[in-house]
N, C-alpha and C. Protein backbone atom coordinates (compact mmCIF):
# COMPACT_ATOMS: atom_id res chain seq x y z
N MET A 1 0.84 -1.17 0.00
CA MET A 1 0.00 0.00 0.00
C MET A 1 0.89 1.24 0.00
N SER A 2 0.58 2.18 -0.85
CA SER A 2 1.30 3.44 -0.92
C SER A 2 1.00 4.27 0.32
N ASN A 3 1.96 5.08 0.74
CA ASN A 3 1.71 5.97 1.87
C ASN A 3 1.02 7.25 1.44
N GLY A 4 0.89 7.51 0.13
CA GLY A 4 0.20 8.69 -0.35
C GLY A 4 0.69 9.94 0.35
N ILE A 5 -0.21 10.89 0.57
CA ILE A 5 0.13 12.13 1.25
C ILE A 5 -0.17 11.93 2.73
N SER A 6 0.77 12.34 3.57
CA SER A 6 0.66 12.17 5.01
C SER A 6 0.38 13.50 5.69
N ILE A 7 -0.40 13.45 6.77
CA ILE A 7 -0.69 14.64 7.57
C ILE A 7 -0.57 14.23 9.04
N SER A 8 0.06 15.07 9.85
CA SER A 8 0.20 14.80 11.28
C SER A 8 -0.26 16.00 12.08
N ARG A 9 -0.86 15.73 13.21
CA ARG A 9 -1.24 16.75 14.18
C ARG A 9 -0.86 16.23 15.55
N SER A 10 -0.49 17.16 16.44
CA SER A 10 0.02 16.78 17.74
C SER A 10 -0.45 17.77 18.79
N ILE A 11 -0.56 17.29 20.04
CA ILE A 11 -0.95 18.15 21.15
C ILE A 11 -0.34 17.58 22.43
N VAL A 12 0.02 18.48 23.35
CA VAL A 12 0.49 18.04 24.66
C VAL A 12 -0.69 18.10 25.62
N ILE A 13 -0.92 17.00 26.30
CA ILE A 13 -2.04 16.86 27.23
C ILE A 13 -1.47 16.74 28.64
N ASN A 14 -1.96 17.56 29.55
CA ASN A 14 -1.49 17.55 30.93
C ASN A 14 -2.17 16.42 31.70
N ALA A 15 -1.80 15.20 31.32
CA ALA A 15 -2.32 13.98 31.93
C ALA A 15 -1.33 12.85 31.62
N PRO A 16 -1.32 11.82 32.46
CA PRO A 16 -0.42 10.69 32.18
C PRO A 16 -0.84 9.94 30.92
N SER A 17 0.12 9.23 30.34
CA SER A 17 -0.16 8.50 29.11
C SER A 17 -1.26 7.45 29.31
N SER A 18 -1.38 6.89 30.51
CA SER A 18 -2.43 5.90 30.76
C SER A 18 -3.82 6.53 30.59
N THR A 19 -3.98 7.78 30.99
CA THR A 19 -5.26 8.47 30.84
C THR A 19 -5.55 8.74 29.37
N VAL A 20 -4.53 9.16 28.63
CA VAL A 20 -4.70 9.44 27.21
C VAL A 20 -5.00 8.15 26.45
N TRP A 21 -4.29 7.08 26.76
CA TRP A 21 -4.54 5.79 26.10
C TRP A 21 -5.97 5.33 26.37
N HIS A 22 -6.42 5.50 27.60
CA HIS A 22 -7.79 5.13 27.96
C HIS A 22 -8.78 5.91 27.10
N ALA A 23 -8.50 7.18 26.86
CA ALA A 23 -9.39 8.01 26.02
C ALA A 23 -9.42 7.52 24.57
N LEU A 24 -8.34 6.92 24.12
CA LEU A 24 -8.28 6.41 22.74
C LEU A 24 -8.97 5.06 22.59
N THR A 25 -9.10 4.32 23.69
CA THR A 25 -9.56 2.93 23.58
C THR A 25 -10.88 2.63 24.29
N ASP A 26 -11.40 3.56 25.07
CA ASP A 26 -12.66 3.34 25.77
C ASP A 26 -13.82 3.84 24.91
N PRO A 27 -14.72 2.95 24.49
CA PRO A 27 -15.81 3.36 23.59
C PRO A 27 -16.65 4.53 24.10
N ALA A 28 -16.88 4.60 25.40
CA ALA A 28 -17.70 5.69 25.94
C ALA A 28 -17.01 7.04 25.79
N ILE A 29 -15.69 7.06 25.93
CA ILE A 29 -14.94 8.31 25.76
C ILE A 29 -14.81 8.64 24.28
N VAL A 30 -14.52 7.65 23.46
CA VAL A 30 -14.41 7.88 22.01
C VAL A 30 -15.69 8.53 21.48
N LYS A 31 -16.82 8.08 21.97
CA LYS A 31 -18.10 8.62 21.52
C LYS A 31 -18.20 10.12 21.82
N GLN A 32 -17.56 10.58 22.90
CA GLN A 32 -17.60 11.99 23.28
C GLN A 32 -16.86 12.89 22.30
N TYR A 33 -15.74 12.42 21.74
CA TYR A 33 -14.95 13.29 20.86
C TYR A 33 -15.02 12.90 19.38
N MET A 34 -15.64 11.79 19.05
CA MET A 34 -15.73 11.36 17.65
C MET A 34 -17.15 11.50 17.11
N PHE A 35 -17.76 12.64 17.41
CA PHE A 35 -19.05 12.99 16.79
C PHE A 35 -20.15 11.97 17.07
N GLY A 36 -20.13 11.37 18.27
CA GLY A 36 -21.18 10.42 18.65
C GLY A 36 -21.00 9.02 18.11
N THR A 37 -19.84 8.72 17.58
CA THR A 37 -19.56 7.41 16.98
C THR A 37 -19.49 6.31 18.04
N ASP A 38 -20.07 5.16 17.72
CA ASP A 38 -19.95 3.96 18.55
C ASP A 38 -18.79 3.13 18.02
N MET A 39 -17.75 2.95 18.86
CA MET A 39 -16.57 2.20 18.46
C MET A 39 -16.58 0.84 19.15
N THR A 40 -16.20 -0.18 18.40
CA THR A 40 -15.91 -1.50 18.97
C THR A 40 -14.55 -1.91 18.43
N ALA A 41 -13.82 -2.70 19.22
CA ALA A 41 -12.49 -3.10 18.77
C ALA A 41 -12.06 -4.41 19.40
N GLU A 42 -11.25 -5.14 18.65
CA GLU A 42 -10.53 -6.31 19.15
C GLU A 42 -9.09 -5.83 19.31
N TRP A 43 -8.66 -5.57 20.53
CA TRP A 43 -7.36 -4.94 20.77
C TRP A 43 -6.22 -5.94 20.65
N ARG A 44 -5.91 -6.27 19.39
CA ARG A 44 -4.78 -7.16 19.06
C ARG A 44 -4.40 -6.89 17.61
N VAL A 45 -3.17 -7.17 17.26
CA VAL A 45 -2.74 -7.05 15.86
C VAL A 45 -3.59 -7.99 15.03
N GLY A 46 -4.16 -7.48 13.96
CA GLY A 46 -5.08 -8.23 13.12
C GLY A 46 -6.53 -8.08 13.55
N GLY A 47 -6.74 -7.46 14.72
CA GLY A 47 -8.10 -7.24 15.22
C GLY A 47 -8.80 -6.12 14.44
N ARG A 48 -10.08 -6.12 14.53
CA ARG A 48 -10.93 -5.18 13.79
C ARG A 48 -11.33 -4.01 14.69
N ILE A 49 -11.35 -2.79 14.13
CA ILE A 49 -11.92 -1.61 14.78
C ILE A 49 -13.08 -1.16 13.91
N THR A 50 -14.22 -0.94 14.52
CA THR A 50 -15.40 -0.51 13.77
C THR A 50 -15.97 0.74 14.42
N TYR A 51 -16.38 1.67 13.57
CA TYR A 51 -17.01 2.91 14.00
C TYR A 51 -18.38 2.98 13.32
N ARG A 52 -19.44 3.06 14.14
CA ARG A 52 -20.80 3.12 13.59
C ARG A 52 -21.49 4.37 14.10
N GLY A 53 -22.33 4.92 13.25
CA GLY A 53 -23.10 6.08 13.69
C GLY A 53 -23.96 6.62 12.58
N GLU A 54 -24.33 7.87 12.78
CA GLU A 54 -25.15 8.56 11.79
C GLU A 54 -24.59 9.97 11.63
N TRP A 55 -24.44 10.41 10.38
CA TRP A 55 -23.93 11.74 10.08
C TRP A 55 -24.86 12.38 9.07
N GLN A 56 -25.42 13.50 9.46
CA GLN A 56 -26.35 14.25 8.61
C GLN A 56 -27.44 13.34 8.05
N GLY A 57 -28.01 12.53 8.96
CA GLY A 57 -29.12 11.67 8.59
C GLY A 57 -28.75 10.39 7.86
N GLN A 58 -27.47 10.15 7.64
CA GLN A 58 -27.04 8.95 6.91
C GLN A 58 -26.24 8.04 7.84
N SER A 59 -26.64 6.77 7.91
CA SER A 59 -25.91 5.79 8.72
C SER A 59 -24.59 5.43 8.06
N TYR A 60 -23.60 5.14 8.90
CA TYR A 60 -22.31 4.72 8.37
C TYR A 60 -21.73 3.61 9.24
N GLU A 61 -20.87 2.82 8.63
CA GLU A 61 -20.05 1.85 9.34
C GLU A 61 -18.67 1.88 8.72
N ASP A 62 -17.75 2.46 9.47
CA ASP A 62 -16.37 2.62 9.02
C ASP A 62 -15.50 1.67 9.84
N GLY A 63 -14.26 1.54 9.42
CA GLY A 63 -13.37 0.75 10.25
C GLY A 63 -12.14 0.28 9.53
N GLY A 64 -11.43 -0.59 10.23
CA GLY A 64 -10.20 -1.10 9.68
C GLY A 64 -9.64 -2.21 10.54
N THR A 65 -8.36 -2.48 10.31
CA THR A 65 -7.65 -3.56 10.97
C THR A 65 -6.44 -3.01 11.69
N ILE A 66 -6.20 -3.49 12.91
CA ILE A 66 -5.02 -3.07 13.67
C ILE A 66 -3.79 -3.70 13.04
N LEU A 67 -2.83 -2.83 12.67
CA LEU A 67 -1.59 -3.29 12.05
C LEU A 67 -0.46 -3.42 13.06
N ALA A 68 -0.45 -2.54 14.08
CA ALA A 68 0.58 -2.57 15.12
C ALA A 68 -0.05 -2.02 16.39
N LEU A 69 0.36 -2.60 17.53
CA LEU A 69 -0.23 -2.20 18.80
C LEU A 69 0.80 -2.36 19.91
N GLU A 70 1.06 -1.26 20.60
CA GLU A 70 1.86 -1.28 21.82
C GLU A 70 1.03 -0.55 22.86
N PRO A 71 0.24 -1.29 23.66
CA PRO A 71 -0.69 -0.65 24.59
C PRO A 71 -0.03 0.45 25.41
N GLY A 72 -0.72 1.57 25.46
CA GLY A 72 -0.23 2.72 26.21
C GLY A 72 0.70 3.63 25.43
N ARG A 73 1.11 3.19 24.22
CA ARG A 73 2.10 3.97 23.47
C ARG A 73 1.81 4.15 21.97
N TYR A 74 1.29 3.11 21.31
CA TYR A 74 1.28 3.14 19.84
C TYR A 74 0.13 2.29 19.29
N LEU A 75 -0.58 2.86 18.35
CA LEU A 75 -1.65 2.14 17.65
C LEU A 75 -1.62 2.55 16.18
N LYS A 76 -1.52 1.56 15.31
CA LYS A 76 -1.52 1.80 13.86
C LYS A 76 -2.58 0.89 13.26
N ALA A 77 -3.51 1.50 12.49
CA ALA A 77 -4.60 0.72 11.91
C ALA A 77 -4.98 1.26 10.55
N THR A 78 -5.55 0.39 9.71
CA THR A 78 -6.14 0.85 8.47
C THR A 78 -7.48 1.48 8.80
N TYR A 79 -7.98 2.29 7.87
CA TYR A 79 -9.28 2.93 8.07
C TYR A 79 -9.92 3.18 6.71
N TRP A 80 -11.17 2.77 6.59
CA TRP A 80 -11.95 3.04 5.39
C TRP A 80 -13.33 3.50 5.82
N SER A 81 -13.85 4.51 5.14
CA SER A 81 -15.17 5.06 5.46
C SER A 81 -16.19 4.63 4.41
N SER A 82 -17.32 4.15 4.90
CA SER A 82 -18.41 3.78 4.00
C SER A 82 -18.97 5.00 3.28
N MET A 83 -18.68 6.19 3.79
CA MET A 83 -19.18 7.42 3.17
C MET A 83 -18.16 8.02 2.19
N SER A 84 -17.07 7.31 1.96
CA SER A 84 -16.00 7.86 1.11
C SER A 84 -16.34 7.81 -0.38
N GLY A 85 -17.31 6.99 -0.74
CA GLY A 85 -17.65 6.84 -2.16
C GLY A 85 -16.64 5.98 -2.91
N THR A 86 -15.80 5.26 -2.16
CA THR A 86 -14.80 4.38 -2.78
C THR A 86 -15.05 2.95 -2.35
N GLU A 87 -14.42 2.03 -3.07
CA GLU A 87 -14.49 0.62 -2.73
C GLU A 87 -13.53 0.35 -1.58
N ASN A 88 -13.87 -0.59 -0.70
CA ASN A 88 -13.00 -0.93 0.42
C ASN A 88 -11.88 -1.85 -0.06
N THR A 89 -10.87 -1.24 -0.64
CA THR A 89 -9.69 -1.94 -1.14
C THR A 89 -8.46 -1.29 -0.51
N PRO A 90 -7.33 -2.00 -0.43
CA PRO A 90 -6.13 -1.45 0.21
C PRO A 90 -5.73 -0.06 -0.30
N GLU A 91 -5.85 0.19 -1.59
CA GLU A 91 -5.44 1.50 -2.11
C GLU A 91 -6.36 2.63 -1.65
N ASN A 92 -7.56 2.29 -1.19
CA ASN A 92 -8.50 3.31 -0.72
C ASN A 92 -8.54 3.42 0.81
N GLN A 93 -7.74 2.62 1.48
CA GLN A 93 -7.71 2.66 2.94
C GLN A 93 -6.66 3.64 3.42
N LEU A 94 -7.01 4.40 4.43
CA LEU A 94 -6.07 5.28 5.09
C LEU A 94 -5.33 4.47 6.15
N ILE A 95 -4.21 4.99 6.57
CA ILE A 95 -3.48 4.44 7.72
C ILE A 95 -3.52 5.51 8.80
N ILE A 96 -4.01 5.15 9.98
CA ILE A 96 -4.10 6.08 11.09
C ILE A 96 -3.13 5.59 12.18
N ILE A 97 -2.24 6.49 12.61
CA ILE A 97 -1.24 6.16 13.63
C ILE A 97 -1.44 7.08 14.82
N ASN A 98 -1.58 6.50 15.99
CA ASN A 98 -1.64 7.24 17.25
C ASN A 98 -0.37 6.93 18.03
N GLU A 99 0.39 7.98 18.37
CA GLU A 99 1.62 7.80 19.13
C GLU A 99 1.56 8.65 20.39
N LEU A 100 1.92 8.05 21.52
CA LEU A 100 1.96 8.75 22.78
C LEU A 100 3.41 8.80 23.26
N ALA A 101 3.81 9.97 23.77
CA ALA A 101 5.17 10.13 24.30
C ALA A 101 5.10 11.02 25.54
N ASP A 102 5.87 10.65 26.57
CA ASP A 102 5.94 11.48 27.77
C ASP A 102 6.60 12.80 27.42
N GLU A 103 6.01 13.88 27.93
CA GLU A 103 6.58 15.21 27.67
C GLU A 103 6.19 16.18 28.78
N ALA A 104 7.20 16.76 29.42
CA ALA A 104 7.03 17.85 30.39
C ALA A 104 5.89 17.59 31.38
N GLY A 105 5.90 16.44 32.01
CA GLY A 105 4.88 16.13 33.00
C GLY A 105 3.54 15.75 32.42
N GLY A 106 3.46 15.63 31.12
CA GLY A 106 2.22 15.25 30.46
C GLY A 106 2.50 14.24 29.37
N THR A 107 1.64 14.25 28.37
CA THR A 107 1.75 13.29 27.26
C THR A 107 1.54 14.02 25.94
N ARG A 108 2.44 13.79 25.00
CA ARG A 108 2.24 14.29 23.64
C ARG A 108 1.53 13.20 22.86
N LEU A 109 0.37 13.56 22.30
CA LEU A 109 -0.38 12.66 21.43
C LEU A 109 -0.23 13.17 20.00
N THR A 110 0.30 12.32 19.14
CA THR A 110 0.45 12.65 17.73
C THR A 110 -0.40 11.68 16.92
N ILE A 111 -1.23 12.24 16.05
CA ILE A 111 -2.04 11.43 15.14
C ILE A 111 -1.56 11.71 13.72
N THR A 112 -1.22 10.65 13.02
CA THR A 112 -0.77 10.76 11.63
C THR A 112 -1.75 9.99 10.76
N GLN A 113 -2.12 10.59 9.65
CA GLN A 113 -3.01 9.93 8.68
C GLN A 113 -2.25 9.85 7.37
N GLU A 114 -2.01 8.62 6.91
CA GLU A 114 -1.29 8.37 5.67
C GLU A 114 -2.24 7.87 4.59
N ASN A 115 -1.77 7.96 3.37
CA ASN A 115 -2.45 7.47 2.18
C ASN A 115 -3.60 8.37 1.73
N ASN A 116 -3.50 9.67 2.07
CA ASN A 116 -4.45 10.65 1.54
C ASN A 116 -4.17 10.81 0.05
N LYS A 117 -5.23 10.95 -0.71
CA LYS A 117 -5.07 11.03 -2.18
C LYS A 117 -4.64 12.40 -2.65
N THR A 118 -5.08 13.47 -1.96
CA THR A 118 -4.75 14.83 -2.39
C THR A 118 -4.33 15.65 -1.18
N THR A 119 -3.63 16.73 -1.45
CA THR A 119 -3.25 17.66 -0.38
C THR A 119 -4.49 18.25 0.26
N GLU A 120 -5.51 18.53 -0.55
CA GLU A 120 -6.75 19.10 -0.03
C GLU A 120 -7.42 18.16 0.98
N THR A 121 -7.52 16.88 0.65
CA THR A 121 -8.14 15.95 1.59
C THR A 121 -7.28 15.78 2.84
N ALA A 122 -5.96 15.81 2.67
CA ALA A 122 -5.06 15.71 3.82
C ALA A 122 -5.26 16.89 4.76
N GLU A 123 -5.33 18.09 4.21
CA GLU A 123 -5.52 19.29 5.03
C GLU A 123 -6.88 19.28 5.72
N HIS A 124 -7.91 18.84 5.02
CA HIS A 124 -9.24 18.74 5.62
C HIS A 124 -9.20 17.77 6.80
N SER A 125 -8.58 16.62 6.60
CA SER A 125 -8.45 15.64 7.68
C SER A 125 -7.63 16.20 8.82
N GLY A 126 -6.57 16.95 8.50
CA GLY A 126 -5.74 17.56 9.53
C GLY A 126 -6.55 18.50 10.42
N SER A 127 -7.45 19.26 9.82
CA SER A 127 -8.33 20.15 10.60
C SER A 127 -9.24 19.35 11.52
N ASN A 128 -9.80 18.25 11.01
CA ASN A 128 -10.65 17.40 11.84
C ASN A 128 -9.85 16.78 12.99
N TRP A 129 -8.64 16.30 12.69
CA TRP A 129 -7.82 15.70 13.74
C TRP A 129 -7.47 16.73 14.81
N GLN A 130 -7.22 17.98 14.40
CA GLN A 130 -6.90 19.00 15.39
C GLN A 130 -8.08 19.22 16.34
N MET A 131 -9.29 19.26 15.81
CA MET A 131 -10.49 19.39 16.66
C MET A 131 -10.60 18.21 17.62
N ILE A 132 -10.34 17.01 17.11
CA ILE A 132 -10.42 15.81 17.94
C ILE A 132 -9.35 15.83 19.03
N LEU A 133 -8.13 16.23 18.67
CA LEU A 133 -7.05 16.31 19.67
C LEU A 133 -7.41 17.28 20.79
N GLU A 134 -7.96 18.42 20.43
CA GLU A 134 -8.35 19.41 21.44
C GLU A 134 -9.45 18.87 22.35
N ALA A 135 -10.38 18.10 21.78
CA ALA A 135 -11.44 17.49 22.58
C ALA A 135 -10.87 16.42 23.51
N ILE A 136 -9.94 15.61 23.02
CA ILE A 136 -9.29 14.60 23.86
C ILE A 136 -8.55 15.28 25.01
N LYS A 137 -7.84 16.34 24.71
CA LYS A 137 -7.11 17.10 25.73
C LYS A 137 -8.08 17.58 26.82
N LYS A 138 -9.16 18.15 26.43
CA LYS A 138 -10.15 18.68 27.39
C LYS A 138 -10.68 17.55 28.27
N ILE A 139 -11.03 16.43 27.66
CA ILE A 139 -11.56 15.28 28.41
C ILE A 139 -10.51 14.74 29.39
N CYS A 140 -9.30 14.54 28.91
CA CYS A 140 -8.24 13.95 29.76
C CYS A 140 -7.85 14.88 30.90
N GLU A 141 -7.79 16.15 30.63
CA GLU A 141 -7.37 17.10 31.66
C GLU A 141 -8.46 17.35 32.70
N ALA A 142 -9.69 17.00 32.39
CA ALA A 142 -10.80 17.16 33.34
C ALA A 142 -10.88 15.98 34.30
N GLN A 143 -10.16 14.91 34.02
CA GLN A 143 -10.24 13.70 34.88
C GLN A 143 -9.36 13.84 36.10
């Protein structure tokens, strides 16, 4: 699979990495920052992650497969959206990477999205990821 165009966004969260990891993997918390999405996952390499919900009156079921997993530190998975208008084939799947690193008494969360087809779609996704990062920060720092 080609890496296409890559986009990364990062934020420092004043919370331990265990709190941030919990926010990435707990379905109830994911629902708070992912636009009401219901997430289910098999937390193992080769396991499936599914995101279900409704957006602007249209139901969706998105998801992918976990490619790499280091609990508390690193998650890499494929991602395909049923609303993308594309076939669910490797060339149409994005790669989403979540990396956590200790930083200045908190945790740096970096989200990278690979295999974007155009700079425009990468930038649009980058804006969405920034909103999500800020929401995760708010949730984690309130705990």
